[in-house]
PDB file of N, CA and C in Angstrom:
ATOM      1  N   MET A   1       4.006  32.239  54.886  1.00  0.00           N
ATOM      2  CA  MET A   1       2.478  33.061  55.809  1.00  0.00           C
ATOM      3  C   MET A   1       3.387  34.550  55.764  1.00  0.00           C
ATOM      4  N   VAL A   2       2.378  35.372  56.154  1.00  0.00           N
ATOM      5  CA  VAL A   2       2.748  37.006  56.224  1.00  0.00           C
ATOM      6  C   VAL A   2       1.863  37.257  57.102  1.00  0.00           C
ATOM      7  N   SER A   3       2.043  38.099  57.856  1.00  0.00           N
ATOM      8  CA  SER A   3       1.238  39.065  58.855  1.00  0.00           C
ATOM      9  C   SER A   3       0.723  40.235  58.246  1.00  0.00           C
ATOM     10  N   GLU A   4      -0.401  40.763  59.453  1.00  0.00           N
ATOM     11  CA  GLU A   4      -0.968  41.497  58.646  1.00  0.00           C
ATOM     12  C   GLU A   4      -0.024  42.881  58.209  1.00  0.00           C
ATOM     13  N   GLY A   5       0.363  42.973  58.487  1.00  0.00           N
ATOM     14  CA  GLY A   5       1.522  44.107  58.141  1.00  0.00           C
ATOM     15  C   GLY A   5       2.318  43.782  56.717  1.00  0.00           C
ATOM     16  N   GLY A   6       2.200  42.710  56.293  1.00  0.00           N
ATOM     17  CA  GLY A   6       3.000  41.976  55.143  1.00  0.00           C
ATOM     18  C   GLY A   6       4.225  41.585  54.866  1.00  0.00           C
ATOM     19  N   ILE A   7       4.626  41.628  56.357  1.00  0.00           N
ATOM     20  CA  ILE A   7       5.801  40.946  56.930  1.00  0.00           C
ATOM     21  C   ILE A   7       5.858  39.636  57.012  1.00  0.00           C
ATOM     22  N   PRO A   8       7.128  38.985  56.152  1.00  0.00           N
ATOM     23  CA  PRO A   8       6.856  37.511  55.825  1.00  0.00           C
ATOM     24  C   PRO A   8       7.244  36.996  57.321  1.00  0.00           C
ATOM     25  N   ILE A   9       6.750  35.942  57.518  1.00  0.00           N
ATOM     26  CA  ILE A   9       6.752  34.953  59.109  1.00  0.00           C
ATOM     27  C   ILE A   9       7.564  33.697  58.412  1.00  0.00           C
ATOM     28  N   ASN A  10       8.593  33.690  59.189  1.00  0.00           N
ATOM     29  CA  ASN A  10       9.840  32.199  58.984  1.00  0.00           C
ATOM     30  C   ASN A  10      10.118  32.598  57.289  1.00  0.00           C
ATOM     31  N   PHE A  11      10.219  33.423  56.662  1.00  0.00           N
ATOM     32  CA  PHE A  11      10.910  33.462  55.511  1.00  0.00           C
ATOM     33  C   PHE A  11      11.271  35.126  55.264  1.00  0.00           C
ATOM     34  N   ASN A  12      11.982  35.453  54.018  1.00  0.00           N
ATOM     35  CA  ASN A  12      12.446  36.545  53.447  1.00  0.00           C
ATOM     36  C   ASN A  12      12.218  36.608  52.231  1.00  0.00           C
ATOM     37  N   PHE A  13      11.947  37.750  51.748  1.00  0.00           N
ATOM     38  CA  PHE A  13      11.772  37.917  50.238  1.00  0.00           C
ATOM     39  C   PHE A  13      13.202  37.923  49.731  1.00  0.00           C
ATOM     40  N   GLY A  14      13.175  37.586  48.568  1.00  0.00           N
ATOM     41  CA  GLY A  14      14.618  37.592  47.883  1.00  0.00           C
ATOM     42  C   GLY A  14      15.208  36.451  47.355  1.00  0.00           C
ATOM     43  N   CYS A  15      15.961  36.533  46.195  1.00  0.00           N
ATOM     44  CA  CYS A  15      16.635  35.095  45.703  1.00  0.00           C
ATOM     45  C   CYS A  15      17.161  34.247  46.753  1.00  0.00           C
ATOM     46  N   TRP A  16      17.916  35.211  48.171  1.00  0.00           N
ATOM     47  CA  TRP A  16      18.521  34.103  48.797  1.00  0.00           C
ATOM     48  C   TRP A  16      17.615  33.188  50.053  1.00  0.00           C
ATOM     49  N   HIS A  17      16.227  33.282  49.740  1.00  0.00           N
ATOM     50  CA  HIS A  17      15.682  32.309  50.765  1.00  0.00           C
ATOM     51  C   HIS A  17      15.685  30.810  49.884  1.00  0.00           C
ATOM     52  N   LYS A  18      15.396  29.693  50.509  1.00  0.00           N
ATOM     53  CA  LYS A  18      15.495  28.545  50.247  1.00  0.00           C
ATOM     54  C   LYS A  18      13.756  27.933  49.624  1.00  0.00           C
ATOM     55  N   VAL A  19      14.222  27.336  48.589  1.00  0.00           N
ATOM     56  CA  VAL A  19      12.788  27.048  47.711  1.00  0.00           C
ATOM     57  C   VAL A  19      12.497  25.626  49.014  1.00  0.00           C
ATOM     58  N   SER A  20      11.126  25.545  49.036  1.00  0.00           N
ATOM     59  CA  SER A  20      10.751  24.842  50.017  1.00  0.00           C
ATOM     60  C   SER A  20      10.657  23.103  49.693  1.00  0.00           C
ATOM     61  N   GLN A  21      11.297  22.954  48.422  1.00  0.00           N
ATOM     62  CA  GLN A  21      11.597  21.248  48.262  1.00  0.00           C
ATOM     63  C   GLN A  21      12.846  20.971  48.667  1.00  0.00           C
ATOM     64  N   LYS A  22      13.757  22.232  49.224  1.00  0.00           N
ATOM     65  CA  LYS A  22      15.030  22.066  49.489  1.00  0.00           C
ATOM     66  C   LYS A  22      15.478  22.209  51.053  1.00  0.00           C
ATOM     67  N   LEU A  23      14.211  22.516  52.056  1.00  0.00           N
ATOM     68  CA  LEU A  23      13.838  22.485  53.373  1.00  0.00           C
ATOM     69  C   LEU A  23      14.178  20.876  54.068  1.00  0.00           C
ATOM     70  N   PRO A  24      14.918  21.039  55.192  1.00  0.00           N
ATOM     71  CA  PRO A  24      14.686  19.549  55.727  1.00  0.00           C
ATOM     72  C   PRO A  24      13.369  19.301  56.278  1.00  0.00           C
ATOM     73  N   LYS A  25      12.813  18.068  56.058  1.00  0.00           N
ATOM     74  CA  LYS A  25      11.974  17.587  56.553  1.00  0.00           C
ATOM     75  C   LYS A  25      11.740  17.751  58.085  1.00  0.00           C
ATOM     76  N   VAL A  26      10.270  18.090  58.091  1.00  0.00           N
ATOM     77  CA  VAL A  26       9.879  18.048  59.550  1.00  0.00           C
ATOM     78  C   VAL A  26       8.756  17.298  59.724  1.00  0.00           C
ATOM     79  N   TYR A  27       8.823  16.673  61.208  1.00  0.00           N
ATOM     80  CA  TYR A  27       7.849  15.951  61.603  1.00  0.00           C
ATOM     81  C   TYR A  27       7.040  16.642  62.845  1.00  0.00           C
ATOM     82  N   GLU A  28       5.748  15.955  62.877  1.00  0.00           N
ATOM     83  CA  GLU A  28       4.836  16.308  63.620  1.00  0.00           C
ATOM     84  C   GLU A  28       4.617  15.216  64.902  1.00  0.00           C
ATOM     85  N   ILE A  29       3.717  15.365  65.615  1.00  0.00           N
ATOM     86  CA  ILE A  29       4.071  14.515  66.586  1.00  0.00           C
ATOM     87  C   ILE A  29       2.070  14.506  66.474  1.00  0.00           C
ATOM     88  N   LEU A  30       1.619  13.438  66.664  1.00  0.00           N
ATOM     89  CA  LEU A  30       0.136  13.251  65.979  1.00  0.00           C
ATOM     90  C   LEU A  30      -0.601  12.979  67.854  1.00  0.00           C
ATOM     91  N   TRP A  31       0.551  13.149  68.994  1.00  0.00           N
ATOM     92  CA  TRP A  31      -0.421  13.287  70.044  1.00  0.00           C
ATOM     93  C   TRP A  31      -1.600  11.672  70.289  1.00  0.00           C
ATOM     94  N   SER A  32      -1.057  10.817  70.158  1.00  0.00           N
ATOM     95  CA  SER A  32      -2.242   9.741  69.710  1.00  0.00           C
ATOM     96  C   SER A  32      -1.709   8.187  70.802  1.00  0.00           C
ATOM     97  N   ALA A  33      -0.579   8.136  71.398  1.00  0.00           N
ATOM     98  CA  ALA A  33      -0.017   7.246  72.307  1.00  0.00           C
ATOM     99  C   ALA A  33       0.690   7.134  72.556  1.00  0.00           C
ATOM    100  N   PHE A  34       1.423   7.565  73.923  1.00  0.00           N
ATOM    101  CA  PHE A  34       2.373   7.425  74.607  1.00  0.00           C
ATOM    102  C   PHE A  34       2.454   6.340  75.750  1.00  0.00           C
ATOM    103  N   ILE A  35       3.668   5.901  75.563  1.00  0.00           N
ATOM    104  CA  ILE A  35       3.772   4.835  76.808  1.00  0.00           C
ATOM    105  C   ILE A  35       5.108   4.918  77.540  1.00  0.00           C
ATOM    106  N   GLN A  36       4.652   5.049  78.688  1.00  0.00           N
ATOM    107  CA  GLN A  36       5.565   5.887  79.973  1.00  0.00           C
ATOM    108  C   GLN A  36       5.484   5.218  81.249  1.00  0.00           C
ATOM    109  N   LYS A  37       6.072   5.014  81.729  1.00  0.00           N
ATOM    110  CA  LYS A  37       6.101   4.594  83.688  1.00  0.00           C
ATOM    111  C   LYS A  37       5.368   5.928  84.301  1.00  0.00           C
ATOM    112  N   ARG A  38       5.044   5.436  84.975  1.00  0.00           N
ATOM    113  CA  ARG A  38       3.922   6.858  86.013  1.00  0.00           C
ATOM    114  C   ARG A  38       5.297   7.323  86.881  1.00  0.00           C
ATOM    115  N   SER A  39       6.210   6.655  87.027  1.00  0.00           N
ATOM    116  CA  SER A  39       7.379   7.324  87.987  1.00  0.00           C
ATOM    117  C   SER A  39       8.486   8.377  87.084  1.00  0.00           C
ATOM    118  N   SER A  40       8.218   7.868  85.526  1.00  0.00           N
ATOM    119  CA  SER A  40       8.631   8.899  84.714  1.00  0.00           C
ATOM    120  C   SER A  40       7.824  10.041  84.297  1.00  0.00           C
ATOM    121  N   ILE A  41       6.543  10.280  84.597  1.00  0.00           N
ATOM    122  CA  ILE A  41       5.787  11.210  84.576  1.00  0.00           C
ATOM    123  C   ILE A  41       5.837  12.006  85.787  1.00  0.00           C
ATOM    124  N   ASN A  42       5.778  11.758  86.769  1.00  0.00           N
ATOM    125  CA  ASN A  42       5.905  11.826  87.954  1.00  0.00           C
ATOM    126  C   ASN A  42       7.431  12.588  88.083  1.00  0.00           C
ATOM    127  N   ILE A  43       8.823  12.504  87.708  1.00  0.00           N
ATOM    128  CA  ILE A  43      10.189  13.157  87.450  1.00  0.00           C
ATOM    129  C   ILE A  43       9.807  14.031  86.451  1.00  0.00           C
ATOM    130  N   THR A  44       9.332  13.973  85.143  1.00  0.00           N
ATOM    131  CA  THR A  44       9.184  15.087  84.128  1.00  0.00           C
ATOM    132  C   THR A  44       7.787  15.949  84.503  1.00  0.00           C
ATOM    133  N   LYS A  45       7.192  15.704  84.980  1.00  0.00           N
ATOM    134  CA  LYS A  45       5.610  16.436  85.309  1.00  0.00           C
ATOM    135  C   LYS A  45       5.534  16.733  83.804  1.00  0.00           C
ATOM    136  N   TYR A  46       5.183  15.653  82.914  1.00  0.00           N
ATOM    137  CA  TYR A  46       4.905  15.721  81.931  1.00  0.00           C
ATOM    138  C   TYR A  46       4.821  14.371  80.723  1.00  0.00           C
ATOM    139  N   HIS A  47       3.831  14.199  79.917  1.00  0.00           N
ATOM    140  CA  HIS A  47       3.326  12.748  79.361  1.00  0.00           C
ATOM    141  C   HIS A  47       4.462  12.605  78.323  1.00  0.00           C
ATOM    142  N   ILE A  48       5.488  13.262  77.926  1.00  0.00           N
ATOM    143  CA  ILE A  48       6.394  12.850  77.125  1.00  0.00           C
ATOM    144  C   ILE A  48       8.032  12.836  77.723  1.00  0.00           C
ATOM    145  N   GLY A  49       8.870  11.666  78.223  1.00  0.00           N
ATOM    146  CA  GLY A  49       9.813  11.329  78.947  1.00  0.00           C
ATOM    147  C   GLY A  49      10.945  12.358  78.234  1.00  0.00           C
ATOM    148  N   MET A  50      11.931  12.133  78.773  1.00  0.00           N
ATOM    149  CA  MET A  50      13.256  12.773  78.437  1.00  0.00           C
ATOM    150  C   MET A  50      13.879  12.282  77.266  1.00  0.00           C
ATOM    151  N   ASN A  51      13.686  10.810  77.150  1.00  0.00           N
ATOM    152  CA  ASN A  51      14.376  10.394  75.838  1.00  0.00           C
ATOM    153  C   ASN A  51      13.032   9.715  74.974  1.00  0.00           C
ATOM    154  N   PRO A  52      12.505  10.319  74.375  1.00  0.00           N
ATOM    155  CA  PRO A  52      11.495   9.863  73.636  1.00  0.00           C
ATOM    156  C   PRO A  52      11.637   9.074  72.360  1.00  0.00           C
ATOM    157  N   TYR A  53      11.225   7.814  71.932  1.00  0.00           N
ATOM    158  CA  TYR A  53      11.495   7.443  70.518  1.00  0.00           C
ATOM    159  C   TYR A  53      10.273   7.439  69.667  1.00  0.00           C
ATOM    160  N   TYR A  54      10.666   8.232  68.815  1.00  0.00           N
ATOM    161  CA  TYR A  54       9.761   8.529  67.825  1.00  0.00           C
ATOM    162  C   TYR A  54       9.640   7.250  66.544  1.00  0.00           C
ATOM    163  N   MET A  55       8.122   6.998  66.321  1.00  0.00           N
ATOM    164  CA  MET A  55       8.326   6.142  65.229  1.00  0.00           C
ATOM    165  C   MET A  55       7.020   6.734  63.805  1.00  0.00           C
ATOM    166  N   ALA A  56       7.667   6.835  63.206  1.00  0.00           N
ATOM    167  CA  ALA A  56       7.138   7.451  61.944  1.00  0.00           C
ATOM    168  C   ALA A  56       6.020   6.516  61.055  1.00  0.00           C
ATOM    169  N   PHE A  57       5.235   7.189  60.873  1.00  0.00           N
ATOM    170  CA  PHE A  57       4.175   6.479  59.793  1.00  0.00           C
ATOM    171  C   PHE A  57       3.846   7.916  58.920  1.00  0.00           C
ATOM    172  N   ASP A  58       4.314   7.187  57.427  1.00  0.00           N
ATOM    173  CA  ASP A  58       4.400   7.774  56.203  1.00  0.00           C
ATOM    174  C   ASP A  58       2.814   7.945  55.742  1.00  0.00           C
ATOM    175  N   HIS A  59       2.363   7.113  56.297  1.00  0.00           N
ATOM    176  CA  HIS A  59       1.264   6.518  55.367  1.00  0.00           C
ATOM    177  C   HIS A  59      -0.333   7.375  56.427  1.00  0.00           C
ATOM    178  N   VAL A  60      -0.027   8.273  57.399  1.00  0.00           N
ATOM    179  CA  VAL A  60      -1.315   8.848  58.193  1.00  0.00           C
ATOM    180  C   VAL A  60      -0.762  10.164  57.811  1.00  0.00           C
ATOM    181  N   LYS A  61      -2.483  10.463  57.425  1.00  0.00           N
ATOM    182  CA  LYS A  61      -2.917  12.041  56.918  1.00  0.00           C
ATOM    183  C   LYS A  61      -3.586  12.398  58.186  1.00  0.00           C
ATOM    184  N   THR A  62      -3.226  13.378  58.468  1.00  0.00           N
ATOM    185  CA  THR A  62      -3.912  14.257  59.507  1.00  0.00           C
ATOM    186  C   THR A  62      -4.376  15.977  59.089  1.00  0.00           C
ATOM    187  N   VAL A  63      -5.474  16.143  60.183  1.00  0.00           N
ATOM    188  CA  VAL A  63      -5.735  17.669  59.980  1.00  0.00           C
ATOM    189  C   VAL A  63      -5.913  18.048  61.296  1.00  0.00           C
ATOM    190  N   ASP A  64      -5.259  19.316  61.611  1.00  0.00           N
ATOM    191  CA  ASP A  64      -5.871  20.111  62.886  1.00  0.00           C
ATOM    192  C   ASP A  64      -7.152  20.586  62.302  1.00  0.00           C
ATOM    193  N   ILE A  65      -7.807  20.291  63.404  1.00  0.00           N
ATOM    194  CA  ILE A  65      -9.155  20.974  63.318  1.00  0.00           C
ATOM    195  C   ILE A  65      -9.290  22.245  64.233  1.00  0.00           C
ATOM    196  N   ASP A  66      -9.832  23.366  63.951  1.00  0.00           N
ATOM    197  CA  ASP A  66      -9.632  24.213  64.665  1.00  0.00           C
ATOM    198  C   ASP A  66     -11.042  25.009  64.464  1.00  0.00           C
ATOM    199  N   THR A  67     -11.454  25.059  63.228  1.00  0.00           N
ATOM    200  CA  THR A  67     -12.742  25.554  62.839  1.00  0.00           C
ATOM    201  C   THR A  67     -13.481  24.764  62.267  1.00  0.00           C
ATOM    202  N   MET A  68     -14.850  25.044  61.652  1.00  0.00           N
ATOM    203  CA  MET A  68     -15.630  24.578  61.025  1.00  0.00           C
ATOM    204  C   MET A  68     -15.145  24.334  59.532  1.00  0.00           C
ATOM    205  N   GLU A  69     -14.181  25.351  59.033  1.00  0.00           N
ATOM    206  CA  GLU A  69     -13.456  24.647  57.940  1.00  0.00           C
ATOM    207  C   GLU A  69     -12.536  24.061  57.722  1.00  0.00           C
ATOM    208  N   ASP A  70     -11.814  24.140  59.345  1.00  0.00           N
ATOM    209  CA  ASP A  70     -10.803  22.820  58.900  1.00  0.00           C
ATOM    210  C   ASP A  70     -11.518  21.390  59.107  1.00  0.00           C
ATOM    211  N   PHE A  71     -12.770  21.621  59.755  1.00  0.00           N
ATOM    212  CA  PHE A  71     -13.744  19.950  59.713  1.00  0.00           C
ATOM    213  C   PHE A  71     -14.275  19.791  58.540  1.00  0.00           C
ATOM    214  N   GLU A  72     -14.709  20.792  57.421  1.00  0.00           N
ATOM    215  CA  GLU A  72     -15.171  20.067  56.247  1.00  0.00           C
ATOM    216  C   GLU A  72     -13.846  19.908  55.575  1.00  0.00           C
ATOM    217  N   LEU A  73     -12.527  20.159  55.379  1.00  0.00           N
ATOM    218  CA  LEU A  73     -11.627  19.905  54.923  1.00  0.00           C
ATOM    219  C   LEU A  73     -11.312  18.457  55.484  1.00  0.00           C
ATOM    220  N   ALA A  74     -11.402  18.464  56.447  1.00  0.00           N
ATOM    221  CA  ALA A  74     -10.941  16.942  57.172  1.00  0.00           C
ATOM    222  C   ALA A  74     -11.982  15.719  56.674  1.00  0.00           C
ATOM    223  N   GLN A  75     -13.482  15.967  56.451  1.00  0.00           N
ATOM    224  CA  GLN A  75     -14.183  15.365  55.628  1.00  0.00           C
ATOM    225  C   GLN A  75     -13.815  15.346  54.653  1.00  0.00           C
ATOM    226  N   ILE A  76     -13.502  16.045  53.753  1.00  0.00           N
ATOM    227  CA  ILE A  76     -12.991  15.601  52.109  1.00  0.00           C
ATOM    228  C   ILE A  76     -12.015  14.756  52.235  1.00  0.00           C
ATOM    229  N   ILE A  77     -10.818  14.973  52.995  1.00  0.00           N
ATOM    230  CA  ILE A  77      -9.769  14.525  53.061  1.00  0.00           C
ATOM    231  C   ILE A  77      -9.860  13.123  53.305  1.00  0.00           C
ATOM    232  N   TYR A  78     -10.836  12.431  54.412  1.00  0.00           N
ATOM    233  CA  TYR A  78     -11.415  11.351  54.819  1.00  0.00           C
ATOM    234  C   TYR A  78     -12.097  10.733  53.285  1.00  0.00           C
ATOM    235  N   LYS A  79     -12.981  11.169  52.978  1.00  0.00           N
ATOM    236  CA  LYS A  79     -13.722  10.626  51.982  1.00  0.00           C
ATOM    237  C   LYS A  79     -12.807  10.100  50.659  1.00  0.00           C
ATOM    238  N   LEU A  80     -11.618  10.906  50.311  1.00  0.00           N
ATOM    239  CA  LEU A  80     -10.884  10.942  49.733  1.00  0.00           C
ATOM    240  C   LEU A  80      -9.781   9.412  49.411  1.00  0.00           C
ATOM    241  N   ASN A  81      -9.585   9.453  51.394  1.00  0.00           N
ATOM    242  CA  ASN A  81      -8.460   8.530  51.730  1.00  0.00           C
ATOM    243  C   ASN A  81      -9.497   6.944  51.542  1.00  0.00           C
ATOM    244  N   GLN A  82     -10.610   7.358  51.735  1.00  0.00           N
ATOM    245  CA  GLN A  82     -11.552   6.351  51.400  1.00  0.00           C
ATOM    246  C   GLN A  82     -11.632   5.154  50.341  1.00  0.00           C
ATOM    247  N   ALA A  83     -11.486   6.196  49.200  1.00  0.00           N
ATOM    248  CA  ALA A  83     -11.768   6.065  48.057  1.00  0.00           C
ATOM    249  C   ALA A  83     -10.431   5.202  47.359  1.00  0.00           C
ATOM    250  N   GLU A  84      -9.567   5.170  47.808  1.00  0.00           N
ATOM    251  CA  GLU A  84      -8.260   4.778  48.023  1.00  0.00           C
ATOM    252  C   GLU A  84      -8.251   3.340  47.731  1.00  0.00           C
TER     253      GLU A  84
END
């Protein structure tokens, strides 16, 4: 990603940058289910506790929908997944 001024964001130009295949894995929170006691929520004032347990679902495909183009992409991905 490059800013409007052509400045790289989260990387630098040159032979020293890591190729994407060598970057560490990054996980995404899907915000779909949280199980927590009300007392814990009252303490942290947040819906994720102090010591969360993460469950990995490699087969789940998600698209963040912010624009009509995102929605159209999500529809295409959904249709492709239904064909599998």
